[in-house]
Amino acid sequence: MPISEFSKQAATTLKELRIKNNLSIEELAEKSGVSVYKIKSMENLEHDIKFSTVFRLCEGLNISMYNF
């Protein structure tokens, strides 16, 4: 199944924000409640990203959805 444009953009933004905030995948997983496996698979574009997951990641990054 092809990956949506939203997921491609979200994956790029996620990785950039995670690195900018000096967070490992494990640290972001702990802060957001999203599993390490899911974050890795999102960053590697292995499947589409759900809007609800992005919301949880934003909470872990302490940013608003607008700034994502």
N, C-alpha and C. Protein backbone atom coordinates (compact mmCIF):
# COMPACT_ATOMS: atom_id res chain seq x y z
N MET A 1 0.85 -1.17 0.00
CA MET A 1 0.00 0.00 0.00
C MET A 1 0.90 1.24 0.00
N PRO A 2 0.64 2.19 -0.86
CA PRO A 2 1.47 3.40 -0.93
C PRO A 2 1.29 4.28 0.32
N ILE A 3 2.36 4.96 0.67
CA ILE A 3 2.36 5.85 1.83
C ILE A 3 1.80 7.22 1.40
N SER A 4 0.91 7.78 2.21
CA SER A 4 0.28 9.06 1.89
C SER A 4 1.28 10.20 2.00
N GLU A 5 0.96 11.31 1.34
CA GLU A 5 1.81 12.50 1.41
C GLU A 5 1.86 13.03 2.85
N PHE A 6 0.74 12.96 3.55
CA PHE A 6 0.72 13.38 4.95
C PHE A 6 1.75 12.60 5.76
N SER A 7 1.78 11.29 5.58
CA SER A 7 2.71 10.45 6.33
C SER A 7 4.16 10.76 5.97
N LYS A 8 4.42 11.03 4.70
CA LYS A 8 5.78 11.36 4.28
C LYS A 8 6.24 12.66 4.95
N GLN A 9 5.38 13.67 4.93
CA GLN A 9 5.72 14.95 5.56
C GLN A 9 5.84 14.80 7.08
N ALA A 10 4.93 14.05 7.67
CA ALA A 10 4.94 13.85 9.12
C ALA A 10 6.21 13.12 9.56
N ALA A 11 6.64 12.14 8.79
CA ALA A 11 7.85 11.38 9.13
C ALA A 11 9.07 12.29 9.12
N THR A 12 9.18 13.13 8.12
CA THR A 12 10.31 14.06 8.02
C THR A 12 10.29 15.05 9.17
N THR A 13 9.12 15.62 9.44
CA THR A 13 8.97 16.59 10.52
C THR A 13 9.26 15.95 11.87
N LEU A 14 8.74 14.76 12.09
CA LEU A 14 8.96 14.05 13.34
C LEU A 14 10.44 13.86 13.62
N LYS A 15 11.16 13.37 12.66
CA LYS A 15 12.59 13.11 12.86
C LYS A 15 13.34 14.42 13.11
N GLU A 16 13.02 15.45 12.35
CA GLU A 16 13.69 16.75 12.54
C GLU A 16 13.42 17.31 13.93
N LEU A 17 12.18 17.25 14.38
CA LEU A 17 11.84 17.77 15.71
C LEU A 17 12.47 16.94 16.82
N ARG A 18 12.49 15.64 16.65
CA ARG A 18 13.08 14.75 17.66
C ARG A 18 14.57 15.06 17.81
N ILE A 19 15.26 15.22 16.70
CA ILE A 19 16.69 15.52 16.74
C ILE A 19 16.93 16.92 17.29
N LYS A 20 16.13 17.88 16.85
CA LYS A 20 16.25 19.27 17.32
C LYS A 20 16.11 19.34 18.84
N ASN A 21 15.25 18.49 19.39
CA ASN A 21 15.02 18.48 20.83
C ASN A 21 15.95 17.51 21.57
N ASN A 22 16.95 17.01 20.86
CA ASN A 22 17.94 16.10 21.44
C ASN A 22 17.31 14.89 22.14
N LEU A 23 16.31 14.31 21.48
CA LEU A 23 15.63 13.14 22.04
C LEU A 23 15.96 11.90 21.21
N SER A 24 16.24 10.82 21.90
CA SER A 24 16.35 9.54 21.21
C SER A 24 14.94 9.04 20.95
N ILE A 25 14.82 8.03 20.13
CA ILE A 25 13.50 7.44 19.89
C ILE A 25 12.93 6.90 21.19
N GLU A 26 13.78 6.30 22.00
CA GLU A 26 13.34 5.74 23.27
C GLU A 26 12.81 6.83 24.21
N GLU A 27 13.50 7.96 24.25
CA GLU A 27 13.05 9.06 25.11
C GLU A 27 11.72 9.63 24.64
N LEU A 28 11.56 9.79 23.32
CA LEU A 28 10.30 10.29 22.80
C LEU A 28 9.18 9.30 23.06
N ALA A 29 9.47 8.03 22.95
CA ALA A 29 8.47 7.00 23.23
C ALA A 29 7.98 7.11 24.67
N GLU A 30 8.91 7.30 25.58
CA GLU A 30 8.55 7.42 27.00
C GLU A 30 7.71 8.67 27.25
N LYS A 31 8.07 9.78 26.64
CA LYS A 31 7.36 11.04 26.85
C LYS A 31 5.97 11.06 26.20
N SER A 32 5.83 10.37 25.08
CA SER A 32 4.58 10.44 24.31
C SER A 32 3.64 9.26 24.53
N GLY A 33 4.18 8.16 25.00
CA GLY A 33 3.36 6.96 25.14
C GLY A 33 3.21 6.19 23.84
N VAL A 34 3.94 6.60 22.81
CA VAL A 34 3.94 5.90 21.52
C VAL A 34 5.13 4.94 21.55
N SER A 35 4.93 3.72 21.13
CA SER A 35 5.99 2.71 21.24
C SER A 35 7.21 3.03 20.38
N VAL A 36 8.35 2.53 20.82
CA VAL A 36 9.60 2.68 20.07
C VAL A 36 9.42 2.10 18.68
N TYR A 37 8.81 0.93 18.60
CA TYR A 37 8.58 0.28 17.31
C TYR A 37 7.79 1.17 16.37
N LYS A 38 6.72 1.79 16.90
CA LYS A 38 5.86 2.63 16.06
C LYS A 38 6.61 3.88 15.58
N ILE A 39 7.38 4.50 16.46
CA ILE A 39 8.13 5.69 16.06
C ILE A 39 9.16 5.33 14.99
N LYS A 40 9.88 4.23 15.19
CA LYS A 40 10.86 3.80 14.19
C LYS A 40 10.19 3.52 12.85
N SER A 41 9.06 2.83 12.88
CA SER A 41 8.39 2.49 11.63
C SER A 41 7.82 3.74 10.95
N MET A 42 7.43 4.74 11.73
CA MET A 42 6.95 5.99 11.13
C MET A 42 8.10 6.73 10.47
N GLU A 43 9.22 6.86 11.18
CA GLU A 43 10.37 7.56 10.62
C GLU A 43 10.93 6.86 9.38
N ASN A 44 10.76 5.55 9.31
CA ASN A 44 11.25 4.77 8.16
C ASN A 44 10.19 4.57 7.08
N LEU A 45 9.05 5.26 7.23
CA LEU A 45 7.95 5.19 6.25
C LEU A 45 7.49 3.76 5.95
N GLU A 46 7.36 2.98 7.00
CA GLU A 46 6.91 1.60 6.82
C GLU A 46 5.39 1.48 6.77
N HIS A 47 4.68 2.49 7.28
CA HIS A 47 3.22 2.52 7.18
C HIS A 47 2.71 3.94 7.40
N ASP A 48 1.46 4.16 7.06
CA ASP A 48 0.85 5.49 7.23
C ASP A 48 0.79 5.87 8.70
N ILE A 49 0.84 7.16 8.94
CA ILE A 49 0.79 7.71 10.29
C ILE A 49 -0.61 8.22 10.56
N LYS A 50 -1.15 7.85 11.71
CA LYS A 50 -2.47 8.32 12.09
C LYS A 50 -2.37 9.69 12.74
N PHE A 51 -3.38 10.49 12.51
CA PHE A 51 -3.45 11.84 13.08
C PHE A 51 -3.39 11.78 14.61
N SER A 52 -4.05 10.80 15.20
CA SER A 52 -4.07 10.67 16.66
C SER A 52 -2.68 10.37 17.21
N THR A 53 -1.87 9.66 16.46
CA THR A 53 -0.51 9.37 16.88
C THR A 53 0.34 10.63 16.83
N VAL A 54 0.15 11.43 15.79
CA VAL A 54 0.88 12.71 15.69
C VAL A 54 0.53 13.58 16.89
N PHE A 55 -0.73 13.60 17.30
CA PHE A 55 -1.15 14.38 18.45
C PHE A 55 -0.39 13.94 19.70
N ARG A 56 -0.28 12.65 19.92
CA ARG A 56 0.44 12.12 21.09
C ARG A 56 1.92 12.47 21.02
N LEU A 57 2.50 12.42 19.82
CA LEU A 57 3.90 12.77 19.67
C LEU A 57 4.13 14.25 19.95
N CYS A 58 3.19 15.09 19.53
CA CYS A 58 3.29 16.52 19.82
C CYS A 58 3.28 16.77 21.32
N GLU A 59 2.45 16.03 22.02
CA GLU A 59 2.44 16.17 23.48
C GLU A 59 3.80 15.79 24.06
N GLY A 60 4.39 14.71 23.55
CA GLY A 60 5.71 14.29 24.01
C GLY A 60 6.80 15.28 23.67
N LEU A 61 6.65 15.97 22.55
CA LEU A 61 7.63 16.98 22.14
C LEU A 61 7.33 18.34 22.77
N ASN A 62 6.19 18.42 23.46
CA ASN A 62 5.74 19.65 24.11
C ASN A 62 5.55 20.79 23.11
N ILE A 63 4.91 20.45 21.99
CA ILE A 63 4.59 21.44 20.97
C ILE A 63 3.12 21.30 20.59
N SER A 64 2.57 22.32 19.96
CA SER A 64 1.19 22.25 19.49
C SER A 64 1.15 21.57 18.12
N MET A 65 -0.01 21.10 17.77
CA MET A 65 -0.18 20.50 16.44
C MET A 65 0.15 21.55 15.36
N TYR A 66 -0.16 22.80 15.64
CA TYR A 66 0.11 23.88 14.69
C TYR A 66 1.60 23.96 14.38
N ASN A 67 2.43 23.76 15.39
CA ASN A 67 3.89 23.84 15.20
C ASN A 67 4.50 22.56 14.65
N PHE A 68 3.70 21.53 14.52
CA PHE A 68 4.20 20.28 13.92
C PHE A 68 4.27 20.45 12.43
